[in-house]
Amino acid sequence: MKITSNTVVSLTYELHTTTPEGNQVFVEKATEENPLVFLYGVGMMLPKFEEHLTGLTVGDEYGFELSPADGYGEIDPGAHVDLPVSMFKEGGAEQLPNVGDVIPLQDNQGNQFRAGVTAVGEEIVSVDLNHPMAGKNLIFAGKILTVREATADELSHGHAHGADGHSGH
């Protein structure tokens, strides 16, 4: 079976990026023991990532590179926010984040996202709202493990329920 809309795909991958000097840097991977499983064609994955997998089948190996525009976008120099230290002391928490920490935040609409801490001062904590992979080329390589039709439940829920179609709940 080929990868098309409304199929559930499980695959391995290794993701690398490149440094400004052009060297490859390992980011993360999914193995055969712990594969990436997703419902294809519903917008859960980067569109260009899915485009490169279209029509592949079990056992196929793949490799491709996505530009920042096709990945997580270019770095937005304006996507920095200074948060008051008092935000981190609510609920009795006295622990301020450290520079380099990734902290969960929520906007006024209730959307959750993560931000990287760039500075911690007496009054403010500065965070970078850019995705950690923004501005980077994404180099993927891996192998297709399984492809199957999505179940009615998966289609109605909009996500895969595991490689075999059962969520294990």
N, C-alpha and C. Protein backbone atom coordinates (compact mmCIF):
# COMPACT_ATOMS: atom_id res chain seq x y z
N MET A 1 0.84 -1.18 0.00
CA MET A 1 0.00 0.00 0.00
C MET A 1 0.88 1.24 0.00
N LYS A 2 0.50 2.19 -0.83
CA LYS A 2 1.27 3.43 -0.93
C LYS A 2 0.76 4.48 0.06
N ILE A 3 1.64 5.38 0.46
CA ILE A 3 1.26 6.48 1.36
C ILE A 3 0.41 7.48 0.58
N THR A 4 -0.83 7.63 1.02
CA THR A 4 -1.76 8.62 0.45
C THR A 4 -2.57 9.19 1.61
N SER A 5 -3.43 10.16 1.33
CA SER A 5 -4.27 10.73 2.38
C SER A 5 -5.06 9.65 3.10
N ASN A 6 -5.24 9.85 4.40
CA ASN A 6 -6.00 8.94 5.26
C ASN A 6 -5.36 7.56 5.42
N THR A 7 -4.04 7.51 5.29
CA THR A 7 -3.32 6.30 5.69
C THR A 7 -2.55 6.62 6.96
N VAL A 8 -2.30 5.58 7.74
CA VAL A 8 -1.47 5.72 8.93
C VAL A 8 -0.10 5.16 8.58
N VAL A 9 0.90 5.99 8.83
CA VAL A 9 2.27 5.66 8.45
C VAL A 9 3.10 5.51 9.72
N SER A 10 3.93 4.48 9.77
CA SER A 10 4.95 4.43 10.82
C SER A 10 6.30 4.38 10.10
N LEU A 11 7.24 5.14 10.64
CA LEU A 11 8.53 5.23 9.98
C LEU A 11 9.64 5.53 10.99
N THR A 12 10.85 5.27 10.55
CA THR A 12 12.03 5.69 11.31
C THR A 12 12.53 6.97 10.67
N TYR A 13 13.24 7.76 11.42
CA TYR A 13 13.91 8.91 10.83
C TYR A 13 15.09 9.31 11.70
N GLU A 14 16.03 9.94 11.05
CA GLU A 14 17.08 10.70 11.74
C GLU A 14 16.97 12.11 11.21
N LEU A 15 16.98 13.07 12.12
CA LEU A 15 16.91 14.48 11.73
C LEU A 15 18.24 15.14 12.08
N HIS A 16 18.81 15.80 11.08
CA HIS A 16 20.02 16.61 11.27
C HIS A 16 19.72 18.03 10.79
N THR A 17 20.45 18.98 11.31
CA THR A 17 20.45 20.34 10.77
C THR A 17 21.88 20.65 10.38
N THR A 18 22.07 21.82 9.79
CA THR A 18 23.43 22.23 9.45
C THR A 18 23.79 23.49 10.22
N THR A 19 25.03 23.58 10.61
CA THR A 19 25.54 24.77 11.28
C THR A 19 25.80 25.84 10.20
N PRO A 20 25.97 27.09 10.61
CA PRO A 20 26.30 28.13 9.61
C PRO A 20 27.56 27.77 8.80
N GLU A 21 28.44 26.96 9.39
CA GLU A 21 29.66 26.54 8.67
C GLU A 21 29.40 25.38 7.71
N GLY A 22 28.18 24.82 7.75
CA GLY A 22 27.84 23.74 6.83
C GLY A 22 28.01 22.34 7.39
N ASN A 23 28.34 22.22 8.68
CA ASN A 23 28.48 20.89 9.28
C ASN A 23 27.12 20.37 9.71
N GLN A 24 26.92 19.05 9.58
CA GLN A 24 25.66 18.46 10.01
C GLN A 24 25.68 18.21 11.52
N VAL A 25 24.54 18.49 12.15
CA VAL A 25 24.39 18.29 13.59
C VAL A 25 23.17 17.40 13.82
N PHE A 26 23.36 16.30 14.57
CA PHE A 26 22.25 15.39 14.89
C PHE A 26 21.27 16.09 15.83
N VAL A 27 19.96 15.95 15.55
CA VAL A 27 18.93 16.55 16.40
C VAL A 27 18.16 15.47 17.16
N GLU A 28 17.53 14.53 16.43
CA GLU A 28 16.72 13.50 17.07
C GLU A 28 16.47 12.38 16.08
N LYS A 29 15.93 11.26 16.61
CA LYS A 29 15.60 10.16 15.72
C LYS A 29 14.42 9.37 16.26
N ALA A 30 13.80 8.61 15.37
CA ALA A 30 12.78 7.64 15.73
C ALA A 30 13.28 6.30 15.20
N THR A 31 13.25 5.28 16.06
CA THR A 31 13.81 3.97 15.71
C THR A 31 12.70 2.98 15.38
N GLU A 32 13.09 1.77 14.93
CA GLU A 32 12.09 0.73 14.66
C GLU A 32 11.37 0.35 15.94
N GLU A 33 12.06 0.41 17.08
CA GLU A 33 11.44 0.07 18.37
C GLU A 33 10.49 1.17 18.85
N ASN A 34 10.75 2.40 18.43
CA ASN A 34 9.93 3.53 18.85
C ASN A 34 9.73 4.46 17.65
N PRO A 35 8.94 4.00 16.65
CA PRO A 35 8.81 4.75 15.40
C PRO A 35 7.90 5.97 15.55
N LEU A 36 7.97 6.86 14.58
CA LEU A 36 7.01 7.95 14.45
C LEU A 36 5.79 7.37 13.75
N VAL A 37 4.61 7.52 14.36
CA VAL A 37 3.36 7.03 13.79
C VAL A 37 2.42 8.22 13.64
N PHE A 38 1.89 8.43 12.45
CA PHE A 38 1.01 9.58 12.25
C PHE A 38 -0.02 9.32 11.16
N LEU A 39 -1.13 10.04 11.25
CA LEU A 39 -2.18 10.01 10.24
C LEU A 39 -1.77 10.98 9.15
N TYR A 40 -1.58 10.45 7.94
CA TYR A 40 -1.06 11.23 6.83
C TYR A 40 -2.16 12.10 6.22
N GLY A 41 -1.80 13.36 5.93
CA GLY A 41 -2.70 14.22 5.16
C GLY A 41 -3.67 15.05 5.98
N VAL A 42 -3.49 15.12 7.29
CA VAL A 42 -4.43 15.92 8.11
C VAL A 42 -3.75 17.13 8.74
N GLY A 43 -2.53 17.42 8.32
CA GLY A 43 -1.87 18.63 8.78
C GLY A 43 -1.10 18.49 10.08
N MET A 44 -0.87 17.25 10.53
CA MET A 44 -0.11 17.07 11.77
C MET A 44 1.39 17.25 11.53
N MET A 45 1.84 16.96 10.34
CA MET A 45 3.27 17.02 10.02
C MET A 45 3.52 18.23 9.11
N LEU A 46 4.78 18.61 8.97
CA LEU A 46 5.12 19.68 8.03
C LEU A 46 4.64 19.27 6.64
N PRO A 47 3.95 20.16 5.91
CA PRO A 47 3.42 19.79 4.58
C PRO A 47 4.50 19.26 3.64
N LYS A 48 5.67 19.88 3.63
CA LYS A 48 6.73 19.43 2.71
C LYS A 48 7.31 18.08 3.15
N PHE A 49 7.28 17.80 4.46
CA PHE A 49 7.71 16.48 4.94
C PHE A 49 6.80 15.42 4.33
N GLU A 50 5.48 15.64 4.42
CA GLU A 50 4.53 14.68 3.86
C GLU A 50 4.67 14.57 2.35
N GLU A 51 4.87 15.70 1.69
CA GLU A 51 4.99 15.70 0.23
C GLU A 51 6.11 14.77 -0.24
N HIS A 52 7.22 14.76 0.50
CA HIS A 52 8.35 13.90 0.14
C HIS A 52 8.05 12.41 0.36
N LEU A 53 7.04 12.10 1.19
CA LEU A 53 6.72 10.70 1.48
C LEU A 53 5.60 10.15 0.59
N THR A 54 4.90 11.03 -0.13
CA THR A 54 3.77 10.62 -0.95
C THR A 54 4.16 9.50 -1.90
N GLY A 55 3.37 8.43 -1.89
CA GLY A 55 3.58 7.33 -2.83
C GLY A 55 4.59 6.30 -2.40
N LEU A 56 5.31 6.54 -1.29
CA LEU A 56 6.25 5.53 -0.80
C LEU A 56 5.47 4.36 -0.19
N THR A 57 6.15 3.24 -0.03
CA THR A 57 5.51 2.06 0.52
C THR A 57 6.45 1.37 1.51
N VAL A 58 5.96 0.33 2.18
CA VAL A 58 6.74 -0.36 3.21
C VAL A 58 8.10 -0.79 2.68
N GLY A 59 9.13 -0.49 3.46
CA GLY A 59 10.49 -0.87 3.10
C GLY A 59 11.24 0.20 2.33
N ASP A 60 10.51 1.19 1.79
CA ASP A 60 11.19 2.26 1.06
C ASP A 60 12.03 3.10 2.02
N GLU A 61 13.21 3.47 1.55
CA GLU A 61 14.05 4.39 2.30
C GLU A 61 13.93 5.76 1.66
N TYR A 62 14.09 6.80 2.46
CA TYR A 62 13.95 8.15 1.93
C TYR A 62 15.02 9.05 2.55
N GLY A 63 15.28 10.13 1.90
CA GLY A 63 16.18 11.15 2.41
C GLY A 63 15.90 12.44 1.67
N PHE A 64 15.77 13.54 2.39
CA PHE A 64 15.52 14.83 1.76
C PHE A 64 15.87 15.94 2.74
N GLU A 65 16.01 17.14 2.19
CA GLU A 65 16.33 18.30 3.00
C GLU A 65 15.26 19.36 2.78
N LEU A 66 14.79 19.94 3.88
CA LEU A 66 13.81 21.02 3.81
C LEU A 66 14.50 22.34 4.18
N SER A 67 14.21 23.37 3.41
CA SER A 67 14.72 24.70 3.73
C SER A 67 13.94 25.25 4.92
N PRO A 68 14.45 26.29 5.58
CA PRO A 68 13.69 26.89 6.69
C PRO A 68 12.26 27.27 6.28
N ALA A 69 12.10 27.78 5.06
CA ALA A 69 10.76 28.18 4.60
C ALA A 69 9.80 26.99 4.55
N ASP A 70 10.32 25.80 4.24
CA ASP A 70 9.49 24.59 4.18
C ASP A 70 9.45 23.86 5.52
N GLY A 71 10.24 24.33 6.47
CA GLY A 71 10.29 23.71 7.80
C GLY A 71 9.54 24.58 8.80
N TYR A 72 10.30 25.16 9.73
CA TYR A 72 9.68 25.94 10.81
C TYR A 72 9.85 27.44 10.62
N GLY A 73 10.16 27.86 9.38
CA GLY A 73 10.24 29.28 9.07
C GLY A 73 11.60 29.88 9.41
N GLU A 74 11.77 31.09 8.94
CA GLU A 74 12.98 31.84 9.26
C GLU A 74 12.87 32.37 10.68
N ILE A 75 13.98 32.73 11.27
CA ILE A 75 13.97 33.31 12.61
C ILE A 75 13.36 34.70 12.54
N ASP A 76 12.39 34.96 13.41
CA ASP A 76 11.76 36.28 13.51
C ASP A 76 12.46 37.03 14.63
N PRO A 77 13.28 38.04 14.29
CA PRO A 77 14.01 38.74 15.34
C PRO A 77 13.09 39.46 16.32
N GLY A 78 11.84 39.69 15.92
CA GLY A 78 10.89 40.37 16.81
C GLY A 78 10.16 39.42 17.74
N ALA A 79 10.41 38.13 17.61
CA ALA A 79 9.66 37.15 18.41
C ALA A 79 10.33 36.90 19.76
N HIS A 80 10.57 37.99 20.47
CA HIS A 80 11.13 37.92 21.82
C HIS A 80 10.20 38.67 22.75
N VAL A 81 10.01 38.16 23.93
CA VAL A 81 9.11 38.80 24.90
C VAL A 81 9.80 38.83 26.25
N ASP A 82 9.61 39.92 26.96
CA ASP A 82 10.07 40.02 28.34
C ASP A 82 8.88 39.76 29.26
N LEU A 83 9.00 38.75 30.10
CA LEU A 83 7.93 38.39 31.04
C LEU A 83 8.32 38.86 32.44
N PRO A 84 7.35 39.34 33.22
CA PRO A 84 7.67 39.76 34.58
C PRO A 84 8.05 38.56 35.46
N VAL A 85 9.05 38.74 36.30
CA VAL A 85 9.49 37.68 37.21
C VAL A 85 8.32 37.20 38.06
N SER A 86 7.39 38.10 38.38
CA SER A 86 6.24 37.73 39.22
C SER A 86 5.43 36.59 38.62
N MET A 87 5.44 36.46 37.29
CA MET A 87 4.73 35.35 36.62
C MET A 87 5.22 34.00 37.10
N PHE A 88 6.49 33.94 37.45
CA PHE A 88 7.11 32.67 37.83
C PHE A 88 7.02 32.42 39.33
N LYS A 89 6.50 33.39 40.05
CA LYS A 89 6.41 33.24 41.51
C LYS A 89 4.98 32.99 41.95
N GLU A 90 4.06 32.92 40.98
CA GLU A 90 2.66 32.64 41.32
C GLU A 90 2.54 31.20 41.78
N GLY A 91 1.60 30.96 42.67
CA GLY A 91 1.38 29.60 43.14
C GLY A 91 2.49 29.10 44.03
N GLY A 92 3.26 30.02 44.60
CA GLY A 92 4.29 29.62 45.55
C GLY A 92 5.59 29.15 44.92
N ALA A 93 5.66 29.14 43.61
CA ALA A 93 6.89 28.68 42.97
C ALA A 93 7.93 29.79 43.04
N GLU A 94 9.03 29.51 43.67
CA GLU A 94 10.11 30.50 43.79
C GLU A 94 11.21 30.24 42.78
N GLN A 95 11.05 29.18 42.02
CA GLN A 95 12.11 28.75 41.11
C GLN A 95 12.00 29.49 39.78
N LEU A 96 12.99 30.32 39.48
CA LEU A 96 13.03 30.98 38.18
C LEU A 96 13.68 30.04 37.18
N PRO A 97 13.26 30.13 35.91
CA PRO A 97 13.92 29.29 34.90
C PRO A 97 15.36 29.76 34.68
N ASN A 98 16.15 28.91 34.09
CA ASN A 98 17.54 29.25 33.77
C ASN A 98 17.65 29.55 32.28
N VAL A 99 18.65 30.33 31.91
CA VAL A 99 18.92 30.59 30.50
C VAL A 99 19.13 29.24 29.80
N GLY A 100 18.47 29.07 28.67
CA GLY A 100 18.57 27.80 27.93
C GLY A 100 17.40 26.87 28.19
N ASP A 101 16.65 27.10 29.29
CA ASP A 101 15.48 26.27 29.56
C ASP A 101 14.41 26.52 28.50
N VAL A 102 13.61 25.51 28.23
CA VAL A 102 12.44 25.67 27.37
C VAL A 102 11.23 25.56 28.28
N ILE A 103 10.41 26.61 28.28
CA ILE A 103 9.29 26.66 29.22
C ILE A 103 7.96 26.65 28.47
N PRO A 104 6.94 26.03 29.06
CA PRO A 104 5.61 26.04 28.44
C PRO A 104 4.91 27.37 28.73
N LEU A 105 4.29 27.93 27.72
CA LEU A 105 3.52 29.17 27.86
C LEU A 105 2.17 28.99 27.19
N GLN A 106 1.27 29.94 27.45
CA GLN A 106 -0.06 29.90 26.86
C GLN A 106 -0.44 31.32 26.48
N ASP A 107 -0.99 31.50 25.28
CA ASP A 107 -1.40 32.85 24.86
C ASP A 107 -2.83 33.14 25.33
N ASN A 108 -3.31 34.33 25.00
CA ASN A 108 -4.64 34.76 25.46
C ASN A 108 -5.77 33.89 24.90
N GLN A 109 -5.51 33.20 23.79
CA GLN A 109 -6.53 32.32 23.20
C GLN A 109 -6.45 30.89 23.75
N GLY A 110 -5.52 30.65 24.67
CA GLY A 110 -5.39 29.33 25.26
C GLY A 110 -4.48 28.39 24.48
N ASN A 111 -3.85 28.90 23.40
CA ASN A 111 -2.92 28.07 22.63
C ASN A 111 -1.65 27.86 23.43
N GLN A 112 -1.21 26.62 23.53
CA GLN A 112 0.00 26.32 24.28
C GLN A 112 1.18 26.24 23.33
N PHE A 113 2.33 26.73 23.79
CA PHE A 113 3.55 26.67 22.99
C PHE A 113 4.73 26.70 23.94
N ARG A 114 5.91 26.55 23.38
CA ARG A 114 7.13 26.51 24.19
C ARG A 114 8.03 27.66 23.78
N ALA A 115 8.75 28.20 24.74
CA ALA A 115 9.66 29.30 24.46
C ALA A 115 10.99 29.04 25.14
N GLY A 116 12.06 29.47 24.50
CA GLY A 116 13.40 29.30 25.07
C GLY A 116 13.78 30.53 25.88
N VAL A 117 14.30 30.31 27.08
CA VAL A 117 14.71 31.41 27.96
C VAL A 117 16.07 31.93 27.50
N THR A 118 16.13 33.24 27.22
CA THR A 118 17.38 33.84 26.73
C THR A 118 18.07 34.69 27.79
N ALA A 119 17.34 35.19 28.80
CA ALA A 119 17.96 35.99 29.86
C ALA A 119 17.05 35.98 31.08
N VAL A 120 17.67 36.02 32.26
CA VAL A 120 16.92 36.09 33.52
C VAL A 120 17.50 37.25 34.31
N GLY A 121 16.65 38.24 34.63
CA GLY A 121 17.09 39.41 35.39
C GLY A 121 16.33 39.54 36.69
N GLU A 122 16.53 40.65 37.37
CA GLU A 122 15.85 40.90 38.65
C GLU A 122 14.34 41.03 38.46
N GLU A 123 13.95 41.69 37.36
CA GLU A 123 12.54 42.01 37.14
C GLU A 123 11.90 41.22 35.99
N ILE A 124 12.72 40.79 35.02
CA ILE A 124 12.14 40.16 33.83
C ILE A 124 12.86 38.86 33.47
N VAL A 125 12.11 38.01 32.78
CA VAL A 125 12.65 36.80 32.15
C VAL A 125 12.40 36.98 30.65
N SER A 126 13.47 37.00 29.86
CA SER A 126 13.35 37.18 28.42
C SER A 126 13.25 35.81 27.75
N VAL A 127 12.29 35.69 26.82
CA VAL A 127 12.11 34.42 26.12
C VAL A 127 12.07 34.65 24.61
N ASP A 128 12.51 33.63 23.88
CA ASP A 128 12.52 33.61 22.42
C ASP A 128 11.34 32.74 21.98
N LEU A 129 10.40 33.33 21.23
CA LEU A 129 9.20 32.60 20.82
C LEU A 129 9.39 31.84 19.51
N ASN A 130 10.57 31.97 18.89
CA ASN A 130 10.83 31.22 17.67
C ASN A 130 10.88 29.73 17.99
N HIS A 131 10.40 28.90 17.03
CA HIS A 131 10.54 27.46 17.17
C HIS A 131 12.04 27.14 17.24
N PRO A 132 12.45 26.17 18.07
CA PRO A 132 13.90 25.85 18.17
C PRO A 132 14.53 25.50 16.82
N MET A 133 13.74 25.03 15.87
CA MET A 133 14.28 24.66 14.56
C MET A 133 14.08 25.76 13.51
N ALA A 134 13.58 26.93 13.92
CA ALA A 134 13.41 28.04 12.98
C ALA A 134 14.77 28.45 12.42
N GLY A 135 14.78 28.80 11.14
CA GLY A 135 16.01 29.25 10.50
C GLY A 135 16.97 28.15 10.13
N LYS A 136 16.58 26.90 10.36
CA LYS A 136 17.48 25.77 10.10
C LYS A 136 16.97 24.91 8.94
N ASN A 137 17.93 24.38 8.17
CA ASN A 137 17.59 23.35 7.19
C ASN A 137 17.36 22.06 7.97
N LEU A 138 16.36 21.30 7.56
CA LEU A 138 16.03 20.03 8.22
C LEU A 138 16.38 18.91 7.25
N ILE A 139 17.28 18.03 7.67
CA ILE A 139 17.73 16.93 6.82
C ILE A 139 17.19 15.63 7.41
N PHE A 140 16.24 15.01 6.69
CA PHE A 140 15.60 13.78 7.15
C PHE A 140 16.11 12.59 6.36
N ALA A 141 16.28 11.46 7.04
CA ALA A 141 16.58 10.20 6.38
C ALA A 141 15.95 9.10 7.21
N GLY A 142 15.34 8.12 6.53
CA GLY A 142 14.72 7.03 7.27
C GLY A 142 14.11 6.00 6.37
N LYS A 143 13.21 5.22 6.96
CA LYS A 143 12.63 4.07 6.26
C LYS A 143 11.15 3.95 6.65
N ILE A 144 10.32 3.61 5.67
CA ILE A 144 8.89 3.38 5.92
C ILE A 144 8.72 1.98 6.51
N LEU A 145 8.09 1.88 7.69
CA LEU A 145 7.90 0.58 8.35
C LEU A 145 6.54 -0.02 8.02
N THR A 146 5.47 0.76 8.18
CA THR A 146 4.13 0.25 7.86
C THR A 146 3.29 1.36 7.24
N VAL A 147 2.34 0.95 6.42
CA VAL A 147 1.34 1.86 5.85
C VAL A 147 0.03 1.08 5.87
N ARG A 148 -1.01 1.68 6.45
CA ARG A 148 -2.32 1.02 6.47
C ARG A 148 -3.41 2.06 6.36
N GLU A 149 -4.61 1.59 6.03
CA GLU A 149 -5.77 2.49 6.00
C GLU A 149 -6.05 2.95 7.42
N ALA A 150 -6.43 4.22 7.56
CA ALA A 150 -6.83 4.72 8.87
C ALA A 150 -8.20 4.16 9.23
N THR A 151 -8.43 3.94 10.52
CA THR A 151 -9.74 3.48 10.98
C THR A 151 -10.71 4.66 11.02
N ALA A 152 -12.00 4.36 11.11
CA ALA A 152 -13.02 5.41 11.20
C ALA A 152 -12.78 6.28 12.44
N ASP A 153 -12.40 5.65 13.56
CA ASP A 153 -12.10 6.40 14.78
C ASP A 153 -10.95 7.37 14.56
N GLU A 154 -9.90 6.88 13.92
CA GLU A 154 -8.73 7.74 13.68
C GLU A 154 -9.11 8.92 12.79
N LEU A 155 -9.91 8.66 11.76
CA LEU A 155 -10.32 9.74 10.87
C LEU A 155 -11.18 10.76 11.61
N SER A 156 -12.07 10.29 12.48
CA SER A 156 -12.93 11.24 13.20
C SER A 156 -12.15 11.99 14.27
N HIS A 157 -11.15 11.35 14.85
CA HIS A 157 -10.33 12.01 15.88
C HIS A 157 -9.23 12.87 15.27
N GLY A 158 -8.86 12.59 14.02
CA GLY A 158 -7.84 13.39 13.34
C GLY A 158 -6.41 13.04 13.69
N HIS A 159 -6.21 11.84 14.30
CA HIS A 159 -4.84 11.41 14.60
C HIS A 159 -4.77 9.89 14.65
N ALA A 160 -3.56 9.37 14.54
CA ALA A 160 -3.35 7.91 14.56
C ALA A 160 -3.47 7.39 15.98
N HIS A 161 -3.92 6.15 16.10
CA HIS A 161 -4.02 5.47 17.40
C HIS A 161 -2.97 4.38 17.51
N GLY A 162 -1.76 4.65 17.06
CA GLY A 162 -0.69 3.67 17.14
C GLY A 162 -0.52 2.92 15.83
N ALA A 163 0.59 2.19 15.73
CA ALA A 163 0.93 1.51 14.49
C ALA A 163 -0.14 0.48 14.08
N ASP A 164 -0.83 -0.10 15.10
CA ASP A 164 -1.81 -1.13 14.79
C ASP A 164 -3.25 -0.62 14.84
N GLY A 165 -3.45 0.67 15.13
CA GLY A 165 -4.80 1.24 15.14
C GLY A 165 -5.45 1.23 16.50
N HIS A 166 -4.75 0.74 17.51
CA HIS A 166 -5.29 0.72 18.87
C HIS A 166 -4.48 1.66 19.74
N SER A 167 -5.16 2.46 20.53
CA SER A 167 -4.46 3.47 21.32
C SER A 167 -3.93 2.91 22.64
N GLY A 168 -4.39 1.76 23.05
CA GLY A 168 -3.90 1.16 24.27
C GLY A 168 -4.55 1.73 25.53
N HIS A 169 -5.66 2.47 25.36
CA HIS A 169 -6.36 3.02 26.53
C HIS A 169 -7.26 1.95 27.10
